[in-house]
Amino acid sequence: MSKIPRPIPEAHIPRVVNQLFADGRGASGRDEPDHWVLESREATEDDRVVMARAAAFIYGVVALALAKLFTVLLEFIVGENSVTQAIWMVAVPAGAVWGYRKQKAKPGQVWTSREWIDFGNRTWNTRRHYLDGSKPLESRSLPLKAVAAVSRAEMYEDGMGYTSLLSEVNNLVRYRQPWPLTQVEHFDTEKECLAFTQAMAARCAISCWQFREAELEGGEAMLEKLS
């Protein structure tokens, strides 16, 4: 039997919150009925090739600049000749090839990552698997009792930002800062962010907190436990 708490009635929270859950942010999948996948990402072989090509271009430009400088110095000493004029023609492709191979050989560029809540085992989990075997599997798991849902309000240069996130309870208590384990969702208004965070806390049966940075509170950040 699934241990996922029942959905929060729509009458108690804004429609946007229920829509996010209905779209999959909080809805369990058929294959894993006790899991809520918070984030799933990947970097493919194509991504690695793109990065390698970018590195080839950068190294080629640097090689050209250095070759031109070396050519000027060499011509000042021995004079201009066919050898000095050909230096950059060799340096540029050599630099590009070196940059391409160096970037492509870097470990940890092809991977899949996932963050999820396991309602059956009541844990928050993260895992990154390197498909090319260049690095060992990275994983971490925390009991849900050590995790809190936080509604965070921040001020940016171009306006306000509201984020619903998961954070470790110990960090909240000790540092009075919501260092995120997972940034679950971003909102345009604090009301929607707070409603979603409360719904998420109820769904996961974890504590709910509200954080407002110092600039919004007249000099001292506000951190309040709501439930």
N, C-alpha and C. Protein backbone atom coordinates (compact mmCIF):
# COMPACT_ATOMS: atom_id res chain seq x y z
N MET A 1 0.84 -1.20 0.00
CA MET A 1 0.00 0.00 0.00
C MET A 1 0.88 1.25 0.00
N SER A 2 0.52 2.21 -0.83
CA SER A 2 1.27 3.45 -0.90
C SER A 2 1.14 4.24 0.40
N LYS A 3 2.25 4.84 0.82
CA LYS A 3 2.25 5.63 2.05
C LYS A 3 2.23 7.14 1.75
N ILE A 4 1.92 7.51 0.51
CA ILE A 4 1.86 8.93 0.17
C ILE A 4 0.64 9.56 0.83
N PRO A 5 0.82 10.66 1.54
CA PRO A 5 -0.33 11.33 2.15
C PRO A 5 -1.33 11.76 1.08
N ARG A 6 -2.58 11.87 1.48
CA ARG A 6 -3.62 12.29 0.54
C ARG A 6 -3.37 13.72 0.06
N PRO A 7 -3.76 14.04 -1.18
CA PRO A 7 -3.59 15.40 -1.68
C PRO A 7 -4.33 16.42 -0.82
N ILE A 8 -3.79 17.61 -0.76
CA ILE A 8 -4.44 18.69 -0.02
C ILE A 8 -5.65 19.16 -0.81
N PRO A 9 -6.83 19.30 -0.20
CA PRO A 9 -8.01 19.76 -0.94
C PRO A 9 -7.76 21.11 -1.60
N GLU A 10 -8.25 21.26 -2.82
CA GLU A 10 -8.00 22.49 -3.57
C GLU A 10 -8.62 23.70 -2.90
N ALA A 11 -9.66 23.51 -2.14
CA ALA A 11 -10.34 24.64 -1.49
C ALA A 11 -9.44 25.33 -0.48
N HIS A 12 -8.42 24.62 0.01
CA HIS A 12 -7.58 25.17 1.06
C HIS A 12 -6.34 25.87 0.53
N ILE A 13 -6.00 25.67 -0.73
CA ILE A 13 -4.79 26.25 -1.29
C ILE A 13 -5.07 26.75 -2.70
N PRO A 14 -4.26 27.70 -3.21
CA PRO A 14 -4.50 28.22 -4.56
C PRO A 14 -4.45 27.13 -5.62
N ARG A 15 -5.16 27.37 -6.72
CA ARG A 15 -5.23 26.39 -7.81
C ARG A 15 -3.84 26.05 -8.35
N VAL A 16 -2.94 27.05 -8.39
CA VAL A 16 -1.61 26.81 -8.95
C VAL A 16 -0.89 25.69 -8.22
N VAL A 17 -1.12 25.57 -6.91
CA VAL A 17 -0.45 24.53 -6.14
C VAL A 17 -0.93 23.15 -6.57
N ASN A 18 -2.24 22.97 -6.64
CA ASN A 18 -2.78 21.69 -7.07
C ASN A 18 -2.37 21.37 -8.50
N GLN A 19 -2.27 22.39 -9.36
CA GLN A 19 -1.89 22.15 -10.74
C GLN A 19 -0.46 21.63 -10.82
N LEU A 20 0.43 22.17 -9.99
CA LEU A 20 1.81 21.70 -9.98
C LEU A 20 1.89 20.25 -9.55
N PHE A 21 1.11 19.89 -8.53
CA PHE A 21 1.09 18.49 -8.12
C PHE A 21 0.50 17.62 -9.22
N ALA A 22 -0.55 18.09 -9.86
CA ALA A 22 -1.21 17.31 -10.91
C ALA A 22 -0.31 17.12 -12.11
N ASP A 23 0.57 18.08 -12.38
CA ASP A 23 1.48 17.98 -13.52
C ASP A 23 2.66 17.07 -13.25
N GLY A 24 2.76 16.53 -12.05
CA GLY A 24 3.84 15.62 -11.75
C GLY A 24 4.77 16.07 -10.65
N ARG A 25 4.72 17.37 -10.28
CA ARG A 25 5.55 17.84 -9.19
C ARG A 25 4.88 17.47 -7.88
N GLY A 26 5.05 16.22 -7.49
CA GLY A 26 4.39 15.74 -6.28
C GLY A 26 3.49 14.57 -6.57
N ALA A 27 3.22 14.31 -7.85
CA ALA A 27 2.41 13.15 -8.21
C ALA A 27 3.32 11.95 -8.41
N SER A 28 2.91 10.81 -7.91
CA SER A 28 3.74 9.61 -8.02
C SER A 28 3.58 8.98 -9.39
N GLY A 29 4.64 8.33 -9.86
CA GLY A 29 4.59 7.66 -11.15
C GLY A 29 4.07 6.24 -11.02
N ARG A 30 3.70 5.65 -12.15
CA ARG A 30 3.14 4.30 -12.13
C ARG A 30 4.19 3.26 -11.72
N ASP A 31 5.43 3.48 -12.19
CA ASP A 31 6.47 2.49 -11.92
C ASP A 31 6.97 2.56 -10.48
N GLU A 32 6.89 3.75 -9.87
CA GLU A 32 7.38 3.95 -8.51
C GLU A 32 6.32 4.72 -7.72
N PRO A 33 5.30 4.06 -7.28
CA PRO A 33 4.16 4.75 -6.66
C PRO A 33 4.50 5.44 -5.35
N ASP A 34 5.60 5.06 -4.71
CA ASP A 34 5.97 5.68 -3.44
C ASP A 34 7.05 6.74 -3.59
N HIS A 35 7.37 7.13 -4.82
CA HIS A 35 8.43 8.10 -5.06
C HIS A 35 7.87 9.40 -5.62
N TRP A 36 8.41 10.50 -5.14
CA TRP A 36 8.16 11.81 -5.75
C TRP A 36 9.49 12.29 -6.31
N VAL A 37 9.63 12.31 -7.62
CA VAL A 37 10.86 12.75 -8.27
C VAL A 37 10.87 14.28 -8.29
N LEU A 38 11.81 14.86 -7.56
CA LEU A 38 11.92 16.30 -7.46
C LEU A 38 12.66 16.90 -8.64
N GLU A 39 13.69 16.20 -9.09
CA GLU A 39 14.51 16.71 -10.19
C GLU A 39 15.19 15.55 -10.88
N SER A 40 15.23 15.60 -12.19
CA SER A 40 15.91 14.58 -12.98
C SER A 40 16.64 15.28 -14.13
N ARG A 41 17.95 15.10 -14.21
CA ARG A 41 18.75 15.77 -15.24
C ARG A 41 19.75 14.80 -15.83
N GLU A 42 20.35 15.21 -16.95
CA GLU A 42 21.38 14.38 -17.57
C GLU A 42 22.31 15.25 -18.41
N ALA A 43 23.53 14.77 -18.57
CA ALA A 43 24.50 15.34 -19.51
C ALA A 43 24.92 14.21 -20.43
N THR A 44 24.72 14.38 -21.72
CA THR A 44 24.93 13.31 -22.68
C THR A 44 26.28 13.42 -23.37
N GLU A 45 26.56 12.43 -24.21
CA GLU A 45 27.78 12.45 -25.02
C GLU A 45 27.78 13.64 -25.97
N ASP A 46 26.61 14.00 -26.47
CA ASP A 46 26.51 15.18 -27.34
C ASP A 46 26.91 16.44 -26.59
N ASP A 47 26.53 16.53 -25.32
CA ASP A 47 26.91 17.68 -24.51
C ASP A 47 28.43 17.74 -24.34
N ARG A 48 29.04 16.58 -24.15
CA ARG A 48 30.50 16.54 -24.00
C ARG A 48 31.19 17.01 -25.29
N VAL A 49 30.66 16.61 -26.44
CA VAL A 49 31.24 17.03 -27.72
C VAL A 49 31.11 18.54 -27.89
N VAL A 50 29.96 19.09 -27.51
CA VAL A 50 29.76 20.54 -27.60
C VAL A 50 30.79 21.28 -26.75
N MET A 51 31.01 20.80 -25.53
CA MET A 51 32.00 21.43 -24.65
C MET A 51 33.41 21.30 -25.22
N ALA A 52 33.70 20.15 -25.83
CA ALA A 52 35.02 19.93 -26.42
C ALA A 52 35.25 20.87 -27.60
N ARG A 53 34.22 21.08 -28.41
CA ARG A 53 34.34 22.00 -29.54
C ARG A 53 34.54 23.44 -29.07
N ALA A 54 33.84 23.80 -28.00
CA ALA A 54 34.03 25.14 -27.44
C ALA A 54 35.45 25.32 -26.93
N ALA A 55 35.97 24.28 -26.29
CA ALA A 55 37.35 24.33 -25.79
C ALA A 55 38.34 24.43 -26.95
N ALA A 56 38.06 23.72 -28.05
CA ALA A 56 38.93 23.78 -29.22
C ALA A 56 39.00 25.20 -29.77
N PHE A 57 37.85 25.87 -29.83
CA PHE A 57 37.83 27.25 -30.32
C PHE A 57 38.63 28.17 -29.41
N ILE A 58 38.41 28.04 -28.09
CA ILE A 58 39.11 28.91 -27.14
C ILE A 58 40.62 28.69 -27.21
N TYR A 59 41.03 27.42 -27.21
CA TYR A 59 42.46 27.12 -27.26
C TYR A 59 43.06 27.58 -28.59
N GLY A 60 42.29 27.48 -29.67
CA GLY A 60 42.78 27.94 -30.96
C GLY A 60 43.02 29.44 -30.97
N VAL A 61 42.10 30.20 -30.38
CA VAL A 61 42.25 31.66 -30.30
C VAL A 61 43.46 32.03 -29.45
N VAL A 62 43.62 31.34 -28.31
CA VAL A 62 44.78 31.61 -27.45
C VAL A 62 46.07 31.27 -28.18
N ALA A 63 46.08 30.15 -28.89
CA ALA A 63 47.27 29.75 -29.64
C ALA A 63 47.61 30.78 -30.72
N LEU A 64 46.58 31.32 -31.37
CA LEU A 64 46.82 32.35 -32.39
C LEU A 64 47.45 33.59 -31.78
N ALA A 65 46.94 34.03 -30.64
CA ALA A 65 47.48 35.22 -29.99
C ALA A 65 48.93 35.01 -29.57
N LEU A 66 49.21 33.86 -28.98
CA LEU A 66 50.58 33.57 -28.55
C LEU A 66 51.51 33.43 -29.74
N ALA A 67 51.01 32.80 -30.82
CA ALA A 67 51.84 32.63 -32.01
C ALA A 67 52.19 33.97 -32.65
N LYS A 68 51.21 34.88 -32.69
CA LYS A 68 51.46 36.20 -33.25
C LYS A 68 52.50 36.95 -32.43
N LEU A 69 52.38 36.85 -31.10
CA LEU A 69 53.35 37.51 -30.23
C LEU A 69 54.74 36.93 -30.42
N PHE A 70 54.82 35.60 -30.48
CA PHE A 70 56.12 34.95 -30.66
C PHE A 70 56.71 35.31 -32.02
N THR A 71 55.85 35.41 -33.04
CA THR A 71 56.32 35.76 -34.38
C THR A 71 56.93 37.16 -34.40
N VAL A 72 56.27 38.11 -33.74
CA VAL A 72 56.79 39.47 -33.69
C VAL A 72 58.16 39.51 -33.02
N LEU A 73 58.29 38.81 -31.92
CA LEU A 73 59.57 38.78 -31.20
C LEU A 73 60.65 38.11 -32.04
N LEU A 74 60.29 37.00 -32.70
CA LEU A 74 61.27 36.27 -33.49
C LEU A 74 61.72 37.08 -34.71
N GLU A 75 60.76 37.77 -35.35
CA GLU A 75 61.11 38.60 -36.51
C GLU A 75 61.97 39.78 -36.11
N PHE A 76 61.79 40.25 -34.89
CA PHE A 76 62.63 41.35 -34.40
C PHE A 76 64.08 40.90 -34.27
N ILE A 77 64.27 39.59 -33.98
CA ILE A 77 65.62 39.06 -33.78
C ILE A 77 66.25 38.61 -35.09
N VAL A 78 65.52 37.79 -35.86
CA VAL A 78 66.12 37.17 -37.05
C VAL A 78 65.57 37.75 -38.35
N GLY A 79 64.55 38.59 -38.26
CA GLY A 79 63.95 39.13 -39.47
C GLY A 79 62.82 38.27 -39.98
N GLU A 80 62.04 38.83 -40.88
CA GLU A 80 60.88 38.11 -41.42
C GLU A 80 61.31 37.10 -42.46
N ASN A 81 60.76 35.89 -42.34
CA ASN A 81 61.02 34.84 -43.33
C ASN A 81 59.84 33.89 -43.36
N SER A 82 59.90 32.87 -44.22
CA SER A 82 58.79 31.94 -44.38
C SER A 82 58.51 31.14 -43.12
N VAL A 83 59.54 30.89 -42.33
CA VAL A 83 59.36 30.11 -41.10
C VAL A 83 58.56 30.90 -40.08
N THR A 84 58.92 32.14 -39.89
CA THR A 84 58.20 32.95 -38.90
C THR A 84 56.75 33.17 -39.33
N GLN A 85 56.52 33.30 -40.63
CA GLN A 85 55.16 33.52 -41.12
C GLN A 85 54.28 32.27 -40.98
N ALA A 86 54.92 31.10 -40.91
CA ALA A 86 54.16 29.84 -40.85
C ALA A 86 53.89 29.37 -39.43
N ILE A 87 54.45 30.06 -38.45
CA ILE A 87 54.31 29.61 -37.06
C ILE A 87 52.84 29.53 -36.65
N TRP A 88 52.08 30.56 -36.93
CA TRP A 88 50.68 30.57 -36.48
C TRP A 88 49.85 29.52 -37.20
N MET A 89 50.24 29.17 -38.43
CA MET A 89 49.51 28.16 -39.19
C MET A 89 49.64 26.78 -38.54
N VAL A 90 50.72 26.58 -37.82
CA VAL A 90 50.93 25.32 -37.10
C VAL A 90 50.33 25.41 -35.69
N ALA A 91 50.50 26.56 -35.06
CA ALA A 91 50.09 26.71 -33.66
C ALA A 91 48.58 26.65 -33.48
N VAL A 92 47.83 27.27 -34.38
CA VAL A 92 46.38 27.33 -34.21
C VAL A 92 45.72 25.96 -34.26
N PRO A 93 45.94 25.14 -35.32
CA PRO A 93 45.31 23.81 -35.30
C PRO A 93 45.83 22.93 -34.17
N ALA A 94 47.12 23.09 -33.83
CA ALA A 94 47.67 22.29 -32.73
C ALA A 94 46.98 22.65 -31.41
N GLY A 95 46.79 23.94 -31.18
CA GLY A 95 46.11 24.38 -29.96
C GLY A 95 44.67 23.92 -29.92
N ALA A 96 43.98 23.98 -31.08
CA ALA A 96 42.58 23.56 -31.14
C ALA A 96 42.44 22.07 -30.86
N VAL A 97 43.31 21.27 -31.45
CA VAL A 97 43.26 19.82 -31.23
C VAL A 97 43.56 19.49 -29.77
N TRP A 98 44.53 20.17 -29.19
CA TRP A 98 44.88 19.92 -27.79
C TRP A 98 43.71 20.28 -26.88
N GLY A 99 43.09 21.44 -27.13
CA GLY A 99 41.95 21.84 -26.32
C GLY A 99 40.79 20.87 -26.42
N TYR A 100 40.52 20.40 -27.64
CA TYR A 100 39.42 19.44 -27.85
C TYR A 100 39.67 18.15 -27.08
N ARG A 101 40.86 17.61 -27.23
CA ARG A 101 41.17 16.34 -26.57
C ARG A 101 41.22 16.49 -25.05
N LYS A 102 41.77 17.60 -24.59
CA LYS A 102 41.87 17.82 -23.15
C LYS A 102 40.49 17.90 -22.51
N GLN A 103 39.59 18.66 -23.14
CA GLN A 103 38.24 18.81 -22.59
C GLN A 103 37.47 17.50 -22.65
N LYS A 104 37.57 16.80 -23.77
CA LYS A 104 36.81 15.56 -23.93
C LYS A 104 37.29 14.47 -22.99
N ALA A 105 38.56 14.54 -22.59
CA ALA A 105 39.12 13.52 -21.70
C ALA A 105 38.80 13.76 -20.23
N LYS A 106 38.23 14.92 -19.91
CA LYS A 106 37.92 15.21 -18.51
C LYS A 106 36.86 14.23 -18.00
N PRO A 107 37.04 13.69 -16.80
CA PRO A 107 36.06 12.74 -16.26
C PRO A 107 34.78 13.43 -15.79
N GLY A 108 33.73 12.65 -15.69
CA GLY A 108 32.49 13.12 -15.09
C GLY A 108 31.63 14.02 -15.95
N GLN A 109 31.73 13.89 -17.27
CA GLN A 109 30.95 14.77 -18.14
C GLN A 109 29.66 14.14 -18.67
N VAL A 110 29.56 12.82 -18.60
CA VAL A 110 28.35 12.13 -19.07
C VAL A 110 27.69 11.49 -17.86
N TRP A 111 26.51 11.98 -17.48
CA TRP A 111 25.90 11.51 -16.24
C TRP A 111 24.39 11.67 -16.28
N THR A 112 23.77 10.99 -15.35
CA THR A 112 22.35 11.21 -15.06
C THR A 112 22.24 11.47 -13.56
N SER A 113 21.36 12.39 -13.18
CA SER A 113 21.17 12.68 -11.76
C SER A 113 19.69 12.72 -11.44
N ARG A 114 19.42 12.45 -10.18
CA ARG A 114 18.02 12.39 -9.75
C ARG A 114 17.94 12.74 -8.28
N GLU A 115 16.91 13.50 -7.93
CA GLU A 115 16.59 13.78 -6.53
C GLU A 115 15.14 13.40 -6.31
N TRP A 116 14.88 12.67 -5.24
CA TRP A 116 13.51 12.22 -5.03
C TRP A 116 13.23 11.97 -3.55
N ILE A 117 11.95 11.93 -3.25
CA ILE A 117 11.49 11.55 -1.91
C ILE A 117 10.90 10.16 -2.00
N ASP A 118 11.35 9.30 -1.13
CA ASP A 118 10.82 7.93 -1.03
C ASP A 118 9.86 7.91 0.15
N PHE A 119 8.56 7.89 -0.16
CA PHE A 119 7.57 7.91 0.91
C PHE A 119 7.53 6.59 1.67
N GLY A 120 7.84 5.49 0.98
CA GLY A 120 7.83 4.19 1.63
C GLY A 120 8.87 4.10 2.73
N ASN A 121 10.11 4.55 2.42
CA ASN A 121 11.19 4.52 3.41
C ASN A 121 11.34 5.85 4.16
N ARG A 122 10.53 6.83 3.78
CA ARG A 122 10.55 8.16 4.39
C ARG A 122 11.96 8.75 4.38
N THR A 123 12.48 8.91 3.16
CA THR A 123 13.81 9.47 2.97
C THR A 123 13.83 10.47 1.81
N TRP A 124 14.74 11.45 1.91
CA TRP A 124 15.09 12.30 0.78
C TRP A 124 16.37 11.74 0.20
N ASN A 125 16.44 11.66 -1.13
CA ASN A 125 17.57 10.98 -1.77
C ASN A 125 18.09 11.76 -2.96
N THR A 126 19.38 11.66 -3.18
CA THR A 126 19.99 12.20 -4.39
C THR A 126 21.01 11.19 -4.91
N ARG A 127 21.11 11.12 -6.24
CA ARG A 127 22.03 10.15 -6.84
C ARG A 127 22.52 10.70 -8.18
N ARG A 128 23.82 10.55 -8.41
CA ARG A 128 24.39 10.89 -9.72
C ARG A 128 25.21 9.70 -10.22
N HIS A 129 24.85 9.23 -11.40
CA HIS A 129 25.51 8.07 -12.00
C HIS A 129 26.28 8.51 -13.23
N TYR A 130 27.59 8.23 -13.26
CA TYR A 130 28.44 8.59 -14.40
C TYR A 130 28.45 7.44 -15.39
N LEU A 131 27.81 7.67 -16.54
CA LEU A 131 27.56 6.59 -17.49
C LEU A 131 28.82 6.07 -18.14
N ASP A 132 29.87 6.91 -18.19
CA ASP A 132 31.12 6.45 -18.81
C ASP A 132 32.06 5.79 -17.80
N GLY A 133 31.62 5.67 -16.55
CA GLY A 133 32.43 5.01 -15.53
C GLY A 133 33.64 5.80 -15.10
N SER A 134 33.70 7.09 -15.45
CA SER A 134 34.88 7.89 -15.11
C SER A 134 34.93 8.28 -13.65
N LYS A 135 33.79 8.22 -12.97
CA LYS A 135 33.72 8.52 -11.54
C LYS A 135 32.79 7.53 -10.87
N PRO A 136 33.00 7.29 -9.57
CA PRO A 136 32.09 6.38 -8.87
C PRO A 136 30.72 7.00 -8.66
N LEU A 137 29.75 6.17 -8.41
CA LEU A 137 28.38 6.62 -8.13
C LEU A 137 28.37 7.54 -6.91
N GLU A 138 27.66 8.65 -7.01
CA GLU A 138 27.50 9.58 -5.90
C GLU A 138 26.06 9.51 -5.41
N SER A 139 25.87 9.30 -4.13
CA SER A 139 24.51 9.21 -3.60
C SER A 139 24.48 9.70 -2.15
N ARG A 140 23.31 10.14 -1.74
CA ARG A 140 23.10 10.59 -0.37
C ARG A 140 21.65 10.39 -0.02
N SER A 141 21.40 10.05 1.24
CA SER A 141 20.03 9.83 1.70
C SER A 141 19.88 10.41 3.10
N LEU A 142 18.75 11.07 3.33
CA LEU A 142 18.44 11.63 4.65
C LEU A 142 17.04 11.19 5.06
N PRO A 143 16.84 10.88 6.34
CA PRO A 143 15.48 10.60 6.80
C PRO A 143 14.63 11.86 6.70
N LEU A 144 13.35 11.69 6.36
CA LEU A 144 12.49 12.86 6.19
C LEU A 144 12.34 13.68 7.48
N LYS A 145 12.53 13.04 8.62
CA LYS A 145 12.43 13.79 9.87
C LYS A 145 13.55 14.82 10.01
N ALA A 146 14.60 14.66 9.21
CA ALA A 146 15.71 15.62 9.23
C ALA A 146 15.58 16.69 8.15
N VAL A 147 14.45 16.67 7.42
CA VAL A 147 14.24 17.58 6.30
C VAL A 147 13.05 18.49 6.58
N ALA A 148 13.14 19.74 6.16
CA ALA A 148 12.05 20.69 6.34
C ALA A 148 11.71 21.35 5.01
N ALA A 149 10.45 21.73 4.86
CA ALA A 149 10.01 22.52 3.71
C ALA A 149 10.09 24.00 4.08
N VAL A 150 10.68 24.81 3.20
CA VAL A 150 10.91 26.22 3.51
C VAL A 150 10.41 27.09 2.36
N SER A 151 9.66 28.13 2.72
CA SER A 151 9.28 29.17 1.77
C SER A 151 10.26 30.32 1.95
N ARG A 152 11.05 30.60 0.91
CA ARG A 152 12.12 31.60 1.02
C ARG A 152 11.80 32.81 0.14
N ALA A 153 11.88 33.99 0.74
CA ALA A 153 11.67 35.25 0.01
C ALA A 153 12.99 36.01 -0.03
N GLU A 154 13.39 36.43 -1.25
CA GLU A 154 14.66 37.12 -1.43
C GLU A 154 14.46 38.34 -2.33
N MET A 155 15.35 39.30 -2.19
CA MET A 155 15.32 40.48 -3.03
C MET A 155 16.50 40.45 -3.99
N TYR A 156 16.21 40.63 -5.28
CA TYR A 156 17.24 40.68 -6.31
C TYR A 156 17.28 42.08 -6.91
N GLU A 157 18.26 42.32 -7.78
CA GLU A 157 18.38 43.63 -8.41
C GLU A 157 17.16 43.97 -9.25
N ASP A 158 16.58 42.95 -9.88
CA ASP A 158 15.46 43.20 -10.78
C ASP A 158 14.11 42.85 -10.17
N GLY A 159 14.06 42.62 -8.86
CA GLY A 159 12.78 42.34 -8.23
C GLY A 159 12.87 41.30 -7.13
N MET A 160 11.72 40.73 -6.79
CA MET A 160 11.63 39.75 -5.72
C MET A 160 11.67 38.34 -6.27
N GLY A 161 12.14 37.41 -5.43
CA GLY A 161 12.15 36.00 -5.79
C GLY A 161 11.59 35.16 -4.66
N TYR A 162 10.74 34.20 -5.00
CA TYR A 162 10.12 33.35 -4.00
C TYR A 162 10.35 31.89 -4.39
N THR A 163 10.96 31.14 -3.49
CA THR A 163 11.34 29.77 -3.79
C THR A 163 10.84 28.83 -2.70
N SER A 164 10.26 27.72 -3.13
CA SER A 164 9.89 26.65 -2.20
C SER A 164 10.98 25.60 -2.28
N LEU A 165 11.58 25.28 -1.14
CA LEU A 165 12.74 24.39 -1.14
C LEU A 165 12.70 23.43 0.03
N LEU A 166 13.58 22.45 -0.03
CA LEU A 166 13.81 21.52 1.06
C LEU A 166 15.18 21.79 1.66
N SER A 167 15.26 21.80 2.99
CA SER A 167 16.50 22.09 3.68
C SER A 167 16.64 21.17 4.88
N GLU A 168 17.86 21.02 5.37
CA GLU A 168 18.09 20.21 6.57
C GLU A 168 17.66 20.99 7.81
N VAL A 169 16.93 20.33 8.68
CA VAL A 169 16.45 20.98 9.90
C VAL A 169 17.62 21.46 10.75
N ASN A 170 18.68 20.67 10.86
CA ASN A 170 19.83 21.06 11.68
C ASN A 170 20.43 22.38 11.22
N ASN A 171 20.53 22.56 9.89
CA ASN A 171 21.08 23.81 9.37
C ASN A 171 20.17 24.99 9.65
N LEU A 172 18.87 24.77 9.57
CA LEU A 172 17.92 25.84 9.88
C LEU A 172 18.08 26.30 11.32
N VAL A 173 18.18 25.35 12.22
CA VAL A 173 18.26 25.67 13.65
C VAL A 173 19.62 26.28 13.99
N ARG A 174 20.68 25.72 13.43
CA ARG A 174 22.03 26.15 13.81
C ARG A 174 22.43 27.46 13.16
N TYR A 175 22.18 27.58 11.85
CA TYR A 175 22.68 28.74 11.11
C TYR A 175 21.60 29.76 10.77
N ARG A 176 20.34 29.41 11.02
CA ARG A 176 19.22 30.31 10.72
C ARG A 176 19.19 30.67 9.23
N GLN A 177 19.63 29.73 8.41
CA GLN A 177 19.65 29.94 6.97
C GLN A 177 19.12 28.67 6.28
N PRO A 178 18.26 28.83 5.27
CA PRO A 178 17.72 27.65 4.57
C PRO A 178 18.61 27.22 3.41
N TRP A 179 19.74 26.59 3.72
CA TRP A 179 20.59 26.07 2.66
C TRP A 179 19.87 24.93 1.95
N PRO A 180 19.64 25.06 0.65
CA PRO A 180 18.75 24.11 -0.03
C PRO A 180 19.37 22.75 -0.30
N LEU A 181 18.61 21.71 0.01
CA LEU A 181 18.89 20.38 -0.52
C LEU A 181 18.36 20.30 -1.95
N THR A 182 17.13 20.77 -2.12
CA THR A 182 16.48 20.82 -3.43
C THR A 182 15.64 22.09 -3.53
N GLN A 183 15.82 22.83 -4.60
CA GLN A 183 14.92 23.95 -4.89
C GLN A 183 13.77 23.38 -5.72
N VAL A 184 12.63 23.25 -5.08
CA VAL A 184 11.52 22.50 -5.69
C VAL A 184 10.77 23.32 -6.73
N GLU A 185 10.45 24.58 -6.40
CA GLU A 185 9.64 25.38 -7.32
C GLU A 185 9.86 26.87 -7.05
N HIS A 186 9.73 27.68 -8.10
CA HIS A 186 9.84 29.13 -7.99
C HIS A 186 8.47 29.77 -8.28
N PHE A 187 8.19 30.87 -7.60
CA PHE A 187 6.89 31.52 -7.73
C PHE A 187 7.04 33.02 -7.92
N ASP A 188 5.98 33.64 -8.43
CA ASP A 188 5.97 35.08 -8.64
C ASP A 188 5.48 35.84 -7.41
N THR A 189 4.74 35.16 -6.54
CA THR A 189 4.22 35.81 -5.34
C THR A 189 4.54 34.98 -4.10
N GLU A 190 4.66 35.66 -2.98
CA GLU A 190 4.94 34.97 -1.73
C GLU A 190 3.76 34.12 -1.28
N LYS A 191 2.55 34.57 -1.59
CA LYS A 191 1.36 33.83 -1.20
C LYS A 191 1.34 32.44 -1.84
N GLU A 192 1.62 32.39 -3.14
CA GLU A 192 1.64 31.11 -3.84
C GLU A 192 2.78 30.23 -3.34
N CYS A 193 3.94 30.83 -3.10
CA CYS A 193 5.09 30.08 -2.62
C CYS A 193 4.81 29.47 -1.25
N LEU A 194 4.23 30.27 -0.36
CA LEU A 194 3.93 29.79 0.98
C LEU A 194 2.87 28.69 0.95
N ALA A 195 1.85 28.86 0.09
CA ALA A 195 0.80 27.85 -0.01
C ALA A 195 1.36 26.53 -0.53
N PHE A 196 2.21 26.60 -1.54
CA PHE A 196 2.81 25.38 -2.08
C PHE A 196 3.69 24.71 -1.04
N THR A 197 4.49 25.50 -0.32
CA THR A 197 5.38 24.95 0.70
C THR A 197 4.60 24.26 1.81
N GLN A 198 3.51 24.86 2.24
CA GLN A 198 2.68 24.24 3.27
C GLN A 198 2.04 22.95 2.76
N ALA A 199 1.61 22.96 1.50
CA ALA A 199 1.03 21.74 0.92
C ALA A 199 2.09 20.65 0.80
N MET A 200 3.30 21.03 0.41
CA MET A 200 4.38 20.07 0.29
C MET A 200 4.75 19.49 1.65
N ALA A 201 4.80 20.35 2.67
CA ALA A 201 5.11 19.88 4.02
C ALA A 201 4.06 18.89 4.51
N ALA A 202 2.79 19.20 4.24
CA ALA A 202 1.71 18.29 4.64
C ALA A 202 1.79 16.98 3.88
N ARG A 203 2.09 17.05 2.61
CA ARG A 203 2.17 15.85 1.78
C ARG A 203 3.30 14.94 2.24
N CYS A 204 4.42 15.56 2.65
CA CYS A 204 5.59 14.78 3.07
C CYS A 204 5.62 14.53 4.57
N ALA A 205 4.68 15.11 5.31
CA ALA A 205 4.63 14.99 6.77
C ALA A 205 5.94 15.45 7.40
N ILE A 206 6.37 16.67 7.01
CA ILE A 206 7.58 17.27 7.55
C ILE A 206 7.24 18.68 8.05
N SER A 207 8.17 19.30 8.76
CA SER A 207 7.93 20.64 9.29
C SER A 207 7.97 21.67 8.17
N CYS A 208 7.29 22.79 8.41
CA CYS A 208 7.20 23.87 7.43
C CYS A 208 7.74 25.16 8.05
N TRP A 209 8.60 25.86 7.29
CA TRP A 209 9.22 27.08 7.78
C TRP A 209 9.04 28.20 6.76
N GLN A 210 9.14 29.43 7.24
CA GLN A 210 9.13 30.59 6.37
C GLN A 210 10.37 31.42 6.63
N PHE A 211 11.07 31.80 5.55
CA PHE A 211 12.30 32.59 5.67
C PHE A 211 12.18 33.83 4.79
N ARG A 212 12.52 34.98 5.38
CA ARG A 212 12.59 36.24 4.64
C ARG A 212 13.94 36.87 4.95
N GLU A 213 14.69 37.22 3.89
CA GLU A 213 16.05 37.72 4.10
C GLU A 213 16.04 39.08 4.78
N ALA A 214 17.23 39.48 5.29
CA ALA A 214 17.35 40.66 6.14
C ALA A 214 16.85 41.93 5.46
N GLU A 215 17.10 42.08 4.15
CA GLU A 215 16.70 43.29 3.43
C GLU A 215 15.19 43.51 3.45
N LEU A 216 14.43 42.43 3.64
CA LEU A 216 12.97 42.54 3.67
C LEU A 216 12.43 42.75 5.07
N GLU A 217 13.30 42.60 6.07
CA GLU A 217 12.85 42.67 7.46
C GLU A 217 13.51 43.80 8.23
N GLY A 218 14.12 44.73 7.52
CA GLY A 218 14.70 45.89 8.20
C GLY A 218 16.01 45.61 8.89
N GLY A 219 16.78 44.66 8.40
CA GLY A 219 18.12 44.44 8.95
C GLY A 219 18.40 43.08 9.53
N GLU A 220 17.38 42.32 9.90
CA GLU A 220 17.59 40.99 10.48
C GLU A 220 16.65 40.00 9.80
N ALA A 221 17.24 38.92 9.30
CA ALA A 221 16.45 37.91 8.58
C ALA A 221 15.41 37.29 9.51
N MET A 222 14.27 36.93 8.93
CA MET A 222 13.19 36.30 9.69
C MET A 222 13.10 34.83 9.32
N LEU A 223 13.16 33.97 10.32
CA LEU A 223 12.96 32.54 10.14
C LEU A 223 11.93 32.08 11.16
N GLU A 224 10.82 31.57 10.66
CA GLU A 224 9.72 31.18 11.55
C GLU A 224 9.24 29.77 11.20
N LYS A 225 9.08 28.96 12.23
CA LYS A 225 8.52 27.62 12.03
C LYS A 225 7.00 27.72 12.06
N LEU A 226 6.37 27.28 10.98
CA LEU A 226 4.92 27.40 10.84
C LEU A 226 4.18 26.16 11.31
N SER A 227 4.81 25.01 11.15
CA SER A 227 4.15 23.76 11.58
C SER A 227 5.19 22.66 11.73
